[in-house]
Amino acid sequence: MIKEIDFFGLYLTPMLAWMILTFGIWLLVCRILEYVDAYRFVWHRSLFNVALYVILLGGVTYVLPRILY
């Protein structure tokens, strides 16, 4: 069931909240990958980052509704 999230009187769709949460997780993962120099194994860094974001967003949208609802 799709519900709205009340954020200080502003009703947001859950997808927007999940995208913002995923962006934070994505930033953290990118910093870790940069710190361990894992990007030297990646052919196209931007494409890899987009794919990583989509994978993380899929994981968040799969896990969070099962935890919250």
PDB file of N, CA and C in Angstrom:
ATOM      1  N   MET A   1       0.834  -1.170   0.000  1.00  0.00           N
ATOM      2  CA  MET A   1       0.000   0.000   0.000  1.00  0.00           C
ATOM      3  C   MET A   1       0.883   1.240   0.000  1.00  0.00           C
ATOM      4  N   ILE A   2       0.566   2.167  -0.874  1.00  0.00           N
ATOM      5  CA  ILE A   2       1.357   3.388  -0.986  1.00  0.00           C
ATOM      6  C   ILE A   2       0.836   4.413   0.019  1.00  0.00           C
ATOM      7  N   LYS A   3       1.713   4.899   0.857  1.00  0.00           N
ATOM      8  CA  LYS A   3       1.366   5.906   1.842  1.00  0.00           C
ATOM      9  C   LYS A   3       2.227   7.138   1.595  1.00  0.00           C
ATOM     10  N   GLU A   4       1.770   8.244   2.121  1.00  0.00           N
ATOM     11  CA  GLU A   4       2.534   9.477   2.024  1.00  0.00           C
ATOM     12  C   GLU A   4       3.317   9.671   3.314  1.00  0.00           C
ATOM     13  N   ILE A   5       4.464  10.312   3.195  1.00  0.00           N
ATOM     14  CA  ILE A   5       5.298  10.591   4.354  1.00  0.00           C
ATOM     15  C   ILE A   5       5.161  12.073   4.676  1.00  0.00           C
ATOM     16  N   ASP A   6       4.769  12.373   5.912  1.00  0.00           N
ATOM     17  CA  ASP A   6       4.611  13.755   6.347  1.00  0.00           C
ATOM     18  C   ASP A   6       5.956  14.285   6.828  1.00  0.00           C
ATOM     19  N   PHE A   7       6.495  15.251   6.116  1.00  0.00           N
ATOM     20  CA  PHE A   7       7.783  15.844   6.464  1.00  0.00           C
ATOM     21  C   PHE A   7       7.551  17.320   6.750  1.00  0.00           C
ATOM     22  N   PHE A   8       7.304  17.632   8.004  1.00  0.00           N
ATOM     23  CA  PHE A   8       7.013  18.999   8.451  1.00  0.00           C
ATOM     24  C   PHE A   8       5.874  19.623   7.649  1.00  0.00           C
ATOM     25  N   GLY A   9       4.813  18.878   7.460  1.00  0.00           N
ATOM     26  CA  GLY A   9       3.646  19.376   6.747  1.00  0.00           C
ATOM     27  C   GLY A   9       3.705  19.217   5.246  1.00  0.00           C
ATOM     28  N   LEU A  10       4.810  18.739   4.734  1.00  0.00           N
ATOM     29  CA  LEU A  10       4.967  18.514   3.300  1.00  0.00           C
ATOM     30  C   LEU A  10       4.837  17.015   3.047  1.00  0.00           C
ATOM     31  N   TYR A  11       3.845  16.644   2.263  1.00  0.00           N
ATOM     32  CA  TYR A  11       3.613  15.228   1.988  1.00  0.00           C
ATOM     33  C   TYR A  11       4.469  14.772   0.813  1.00  0.00           C
ATOM     34  N   LEU A  12       5.279  13.781   1.078  1.00  0.00           N
ATOM     35  CA  LEU A  12       6.197  13.260   0.069  1.00  0.00           C
ATOM     36  C   LEU A  12       5.806  11.833  -0.281  1.00  0.00           C
ATOM     37  N   THR A  13       6.088  11.460  -1.490  1.00  0.00           N
ATOM     38  CA  THR A  13       5.898  10.063  -1.852  1.00  0.00           C
ATOM     39  C   THR A  13       7.021   9.245  -1.221  1.00  0.00           C
ATOM     40  N   PRO A  14       6.760   8.015  -0.881  1.00  0.00           N
ATOM     41  CA  PRO A  14       7.820   7.196  -0.296  1.00  0.00           C
ATOM     42  C   PRO A  14       9.016   7.025  -1.247  1.00  0.00           C
ATOM     43  N   MET A  15       8.750   7.016  -2.533  1.00  0.00           N
ATOM     44  CA  MET A  15       9.841   6.835  -3.494  1.00  0.00           C
ATOM     45  C   MET A  15      10.849   7.977  -3.407  1.00  0.00           C
ATOM     46  N   LEU A  16      10.363   9.210  -3.227  1.00  0.00           N
ATOM     47  CA  LEU A  16      11.272  10.350  -3.101  1.00  0.00           C
ATOM     48  C   LEU A  16      12.114  10.225  -1.841  1.00  0.00           C
ATOM     49  N   ALA A  17      11.492   9.823  -0.734  1.00  0.00           N
ATOM     50  CA  ALA A  17      12.240   9.632   0.508  1.00  0.00           C
ATOM     51  C   ALA A  17      13.271   8.522   0.351  1.00  0.00           C
ATOM     52  N   TRP A  18      12.903   7.443  -0.351  1.00  0.00           N
ATOM     53  CA  TRP A  18      13.851   6.345  -0.560  1.00  0.00           C
ATOM     54  C   TRP A  18      14.994   6.774  -1.469  1.00  0.00           C
ATOM     55  N   MET A  19      14.695   7.620  -2.447  1.00  0.00           N
ATOM     56  CA  MET A  19      15.751   8.095  -3.345  1.00  0.00           C
ATOM     57  C   MET A  19      16.741   8.972  -2.593  1.00  0.00           C
ATOM     58  N   ILE A  20      16.237   9.811  -1.676  1.00  0.00           N
ATOM     59  CA  ILE A  20      17.128  10.664  -0.880  1.00  0.00           C
ATOM     60  C   ILE A  20      17.973   9.805   0.050  1.00  0.00           C
ATOM     61  N   LEU A  21      17.366   8.811   0.681  1.00  0.00           N
ATOM     62  CA  LEU A  21      18.114   7.898   1.545  1.00  0.00           C
ATOM     63  C   LEU A  21      19.167   7.131   0.747  1.00  0.00           C
ATOM     64  N   THR A  22      18.787   6.665  -0.424  1.00  0.00           N
ATOM     65  CA  THR A  22      19.730   5.940  -1.275  1.00  0.00           C
ATOM     66  C   THR A  22      20.887   6.826  -1.712  1.00  0.00           C
ATOM     67  N   PHE A  23      20.596   8.106  -1.942  1.00  0.00           N
ATOM     68  CA  PHE A  23      21.670   9.022  -2.324  1.00  0.00           C
ATOM     69  C   PHE A  23      22.720   9.127  -1.219  1.00  0.00           C
ATOM     70  N   GLY A  24      22.270   9.181   0.038  1.00  0.00           N
ATOM     71  CA  GLY A  24      23.210   9.208   1.155  1.00  0.00           C
ATOM     72  C   GLY A  24      24.042   7.940   1.238  1.00  0.00           C
ATOM     73  N   ILE A  25      23.387   6.803   1.059  1.00  0.00           N
ATOM     74  CA  ILE A  25      24.107   5.523   1.076  1.00  0.00           C
ATOM     75  C   ILE A  25      25.084   5.459  -0.091  1.00  0.00           C
ATOM     76  N   TRP A  26      24.634   5.942  -1.244  1.00  0.00           N
ATOM     77  CA  TRP A  26      25.484   5.934  -2.445  1.00  0.00           C
ATOM     78  C   TRP A  26      26.733   6.801  -2.237  1.00  0.00           C
ATOM     79  N   LEU A  27      26.550   7.975  -1.618  1.00  0.00           N
ATOM     80  CA  LEU A  27      27.710   8.827  -1.344  1.00  0.00           C
ATOM     81  C   LEU A  27      28.703   8.120  -0.434  1.00  0.00           C
ATOM     82  N   LEU A  28      28.199   7.445   0.588  1.00  0.00           N
ATOM     83  CA  LEU A  28      29.065   6.726   1.520  1.00  0.00           C
ATOM     84  C   LEU A  28      29.825   5.606   0.803  1.00  0.00           C
ATOM     85  N   VAL A  29      29.114   4.842  -0.022  1.00  0.00           N
ATOM     86  CA  VAL A  29      29.755   3.740  -0.752  1.00  0.00           C
ATOM     87  C   VAL A  29      30.797   4.280  -1.731  1.00  0.00           C
ATOM     88  N   CYS A  30      30.487   5.390  -2.398  1.00  0.00           N
ATOM     89  CA  CYS A  30      31.458   5.983  -3.334  1.00  0.00           C
ATOM     90  C   CYS A  30      32.709   6.449  -2.615  1.00  0.00           C
ATOM     91  N   ARG A  31      32.540   7.030  -1.436  1.00  0.00           N
ATOM     92  CA  ARG A  31      33.712   7.468  -0.654  1.00  0.00           C
ATOM     93  C   ARG A  31      34.561   6.275  -0.258  1.00  0.00           C
ATOM     94  N   ILE A  32      33.922   5.196   0.140  1.00  0.00           N
ATOM     95  CA  ILE A  32      34.664   3.993   0.526  1.00  0.00           C
ATOM     96  C   ILE A  32      35.400   3.414  -0.678  1.00  0.00           C
ATOM     97  N   LEU A  33      34.725   3.354  -1.838  1.00  0.00           N
ATOM     98  CA  LEU A  33      35.370   2.821  -3.035  1.00  0.00           C
ATOM     99  C   LEU A  33      36.539   3.690  -3.461  1.00  0.00           C
ATOM    100  N   GLU A  34      36.386   4.995  -3.286  1.00  0.00           N
ATOM    101  CA  GLU A  34      37.477   5.908  -3.633  1.00  0.00           C
ATOM    102  C   GLU A  34      38.638   5.763  -2.651  1.00  0.00           C
ATOM    103  N   TYR A  35      38.311   5.549  -1.377  1.00  0.00           N
ATOM    104  CA  TYR A  35      39.343   5.411  -0.356  1.00  0.00           C
ATOM    105  C   TYR A  35      40.183   4.149  -0.582  1.00  0.00           C
ATOM    106  N   VAL A  36      39.533   3.057  -0.956  1.00  0.00           N
ATOM    107  CA  VAL A  36      40.265   1.801  -1.164  1.00  0.00           C
ATOM    108  C   VAL A  36      40.780   1.689  -2.606  1.00  0.00           C
ATOM    109  N   ASP A  37      40.578   2.745  -3.390  1.00  0.00           N
ATOM    110  CA  ASP A  37      41.064   2.829  -4.766  1.00  0.00           C
ATOM    111  C   ASP A  37      40.504   1.717  -5.652  1.00  0.00           C
ATOM    112  N   ALA A  38      39.223   1.427  -5.464  1.00  0.00           N
ATOM    113  CA  ALA A  38      38.561   0.389  -6.257  1.00  0.00           C
ATOM    114  C   ALA A  38      38.181   0.884  -7.643  1.00  0.00           C
ATOM    115  N   TYR A  39      38.189   2.186  -7.846  1.00  0.00           N
ATOM    116  CA  TYR A  39      37.804   2.724  -9.145  1.00  0.00           C
ATOM    117  C   TYR A  39      38.839   2.441 -10.235  1.00  0.00           C
ATOM    118  N   ARG A  40      40.031   2.009  -9.861  1.00  0.00           N
ATOM    119  CA  ARG A  40      41.029   1.687 -10.883  1.00  0.00           C
ATOM    120  C   ARG A  40      40.644   0.431 -11.668  1.00  0.00           C
ATOM    121  N   PHE A  41      39.708  -0.362 -11.130  1.00  0.00           N
ATOM    122  CA  PHE A  41      39.236  -1.550 -11.826  1.00  0.00           C
ATOM    123  C   PHE A  41      38.001  -1.272 -12.676  1.00  0.00           C
ATOM    124  N   VAL A  42      37.495  -0.030 -12.626  1.00  0.00           N
ATOM    125  CA  VAL A  42      36.266   0.342 -13.323  1.00  0.00           C
ATOM    126  C   VAL A  42      36.620   1.020 -14.635  1.00  0.00           C
ATOM    127  N   TRP A  43      35.959   0.586 -15.710  1.00  0.00           N
ATOM    128  CA  TRP A  43      36.260   1.150 -17.025  1.00  0.00           C
ATOM    129  C   TRP A  43      35.666   2.542 -17.187  1.00  0.00           C
ATOM    130  N   HIS A  44      34.388   2.702 -16.842  1.00  0.00           N
ATOM    131  CA  HIS A  44      33.705   3.977 -17.005  1.00  0.00           C
ATOM    132  C   HIS A  44      33.091   4.351 -15.660  1.00  0.00           C
ATOM    133  N   ARG A  45      33.738   5.283 -14.982  1.00  0.00           N
ATOM    134  CA  ARG A  45      33.363   5.597 -13.604  1.00  0.00           C
ATOM    135  C   ARG A  45      31.926   6.122 -13.481  1.00  0.00           C
ATOM    136  N   SER A  46      31.513   7.002 -14.374  1.00  0.00           N
ATOM    137  CA  SER A  46      30.168   7.571 -14.292  1.00  0.00           C
ATOM    138  C   SER A  46      29.105   6.507 -14.508  1.00  0.00           C
ATOM    139  N   LEU A  47      29.319   5.648 -15.480  1.00  0.00           N
ATOM    140  CA  LEU A  47      28.374   4.571 -15.740  1.00  0.00           C
ATOM    141  C   LEU A  47      28.295   3.615 -14.559  1.00  0.00           C
ATOM    142  N   PHE A  48      29.440   3.344 -13.969  1.00  0.00           N
ATOM    143  CA  PHE A  48      29.485   2.486 -12.786  1.00  0.00           C
ATOM    144  C   PHE A  48      28.713   3.118 -11.635  1.00  0.00           C
ATOM    145  N   ASN A  49      28.873   4.433 -11.438  1.00  0.00           N
ATOM    146  CA  ASN A  49      28.181   5.106 -10.343  1.00  0.00           C
ATOM    147  C   ASN A  49      26.671   5.099 -10.545  1.00  0.00           C
ATOM    148  N   VAL A  50      26.210   5.298 -11.771  1.00  0.00           N
ATOM    149  CA  VAL A  50      24.772   5.243 -12.039  1.00  0.00           C
ATOM    150  C   VAL A  50      24.236   3.843 -11.773  1.00  0.00           C
ATOM    151  N   ALA A  51      24.959   2.828 -12.231  1.00  0.00           N
ATOM    152  CA  ALA A  51      24.533   1.449 -12.001  1.00  0.00           C
ATOM    153  C   ALA A  51      24.529   1.127 -10.511  1.00  0.00           C
ATOM    154  N   LEU A  52      25.516   1.623  -9.796  1.00  0.00           N
ATOM    155  CA  LEU A  52      25.567   1.409  -8.348  1.00  0.00           C
ATOM    156  C   LEU A  52      24.381   2.055  -7.660  1.00  0.00           C
ATOM    157  N   TYR A  53      24.011   3.264  -8.087  1.00  0.00           N
ATOM    158  CA  TYR A  53      22.860   3.950  -7.498  1.00  0.00           C
ATOM    159  C   TYR A  53      21.570   3.179  -7.771  1.00  0.00           C
ATOM    160  N   VAL A  54      21.408   2.691  -8.968  1.00  0.00           N
ATOM    161  CA  VAL A  54      20.190   1.942  -9.317  1.00  0.00           C
ATOM    162  C   VAL A  54      20.112   0.647  -8.508  1.00  0.00           C
ATOM    163  N   ILE A  55      21.230  -0.017  -8.335  1.00  0.00           N
ATOM    164  CA  ILE A  55      21.244  -1.253  -7.544  1.00  0.00           C
ATOM    165  C   ILE A  55      20.909  -0.960  -6.086  1.00  0.00           C
ATOM    166  N   LEU A  56      21.506   0.105  -5.545  1.00  0.00           N
ATOM    167  CA  LEU A  56      21.211   0.468  -4.159  1.00  0.00           C
ATOM    168  C   LEU A  56      19.758   0.887  -3.996  1.00  0.00           C
ATOM    169  N   LEU A  57      19.220   1.627  -4.968  1.00  0.00           N
ATOM    170  CA  LEU A  57      17.817   2.040  -4.907  1.00  0.00           C
ATOM    171  C   LEU A  57      16.894   0.826  -4.964  1.00  0.00           C
ATOM    172  N   GLY A  58      17.222  -0.138  -5.769  1.00  0.00           N
ATOM    173  CA  GLY A  58      16.445  -1.373  -5.816  1.00  0.00           C
ATOM    174  C   GLY A  58      16.468  -2.097  -4.486  1.00  0.00           C
ATOM    175  N   GLY A  59      17.627  -2.132  -3.847  1.00  0.00           N
ATOM    176  CA  GLY A  59      17.731  -2.773  -2.537  1.00  0.00           C
ATOM    177  C   GLY A  59      16.940  -2.031  -1.479  1.00  0.00           C
ATOM    178  N   VAL A  60      17.010  -0.708  -1.496  1.00  0.00           N
ATOM    179  CA  VAL A  60      16.284   0.086  -0.500  1.00  0.00           C
ATOM    180  C   VAL A  60      14.786  -0.047  -0.705  1.00  0.00           C
ATOM    181  N   THR A  61      14.322   0.011  -1.955  1.00  0.00           N
ATOM    182  CA  THR A  61      12.882  -0.101  -2.206  1.00  0.00           C
ATOM    183  C   THR A  61      12.375  -1.511  -1.941  1.00  0.00           C
ATOM    184  N   TYR A  62      13.232  -2.487  -1.947  1.00  0.00           N
ATOM    185  CA  TYR A  62      12.813  -3.852  -1.624  1.00  0.00           C
ATOM    186  C   TYR A  62      12.763  -4.066  -0.115  1.00  0.00           C
ATOM    187  N   VAL A  63      13.739  -3.550   0.605  1.00  0.00           N
ATOM    188  CA  VAL A  63      13.871  -3.843   2.030  1.00  0.00           C
ATOM    189  C   VAL A  63      12.999  -2.927   2.896  1.00  0.00           C
ATOM    190  N   LEU A  64      12.999  -1.630   2.637  1.00  0.00           N
ATOM    191  CA  LEU A  64      12.315  -0.691   3.527  1.00  0.00           C
ATOM    192  C   LEU A  64      10.808  -0.911   3.651  1.00  0.00           C
ATOM    193  N   PRO A  65      10.065  -1.165   2.573  1.00  0.00           N
ATOM    194  CA  PRO A  65       8.630  -1.404   2.778  1.00  0.00           C
ATOM    195  C   PRO A  65       8.346  -2.618   3.645  1.00  0.00           C
ATOM    196  N   ARG A  66       9.197  -3.610   3.602  1.00  0.00           N
ATOM    197  CA  ARG A  66       8.988  -4.795   4.425  1.00  0.00           C
ATOM    198  C   ARG A  66       9.289  -4.514   5.894  1.00  0.00           C
ATOM    199  N   ILE A  67      10.161  -3.552   6.138  1.00  0.00           N
ATOM    200  CA  ILE A  67      10.477  -3.187   7.521  1.00  0.00           C
ATOM    201  C   ILE A  67       9.451  -2.205   8.073  1.00  0.00           C
ATOM    202  N   LEU A  68       9.065  -1.213   7.271  1.00  0.00           N
ATOM    203  CA  LEU A  68       8.221  -0.137   7.767  1.00  0.00           C
ATOM    204  C   LEU A  68       6.738  -0.493   7.803  1.00  0.00           C
ATOM    205  N   TYR A  69       6.255  -1.259   6.826  1.00  0.00           N
ATOM    206  CA  TYR A  69       4.812  -1.509   6.749  1.00  0.00           C
ATOM    207  C   TYR A  69       4.470  -2.916   7.177  1.00  0.00           C
TER     208      TYR A  69
END
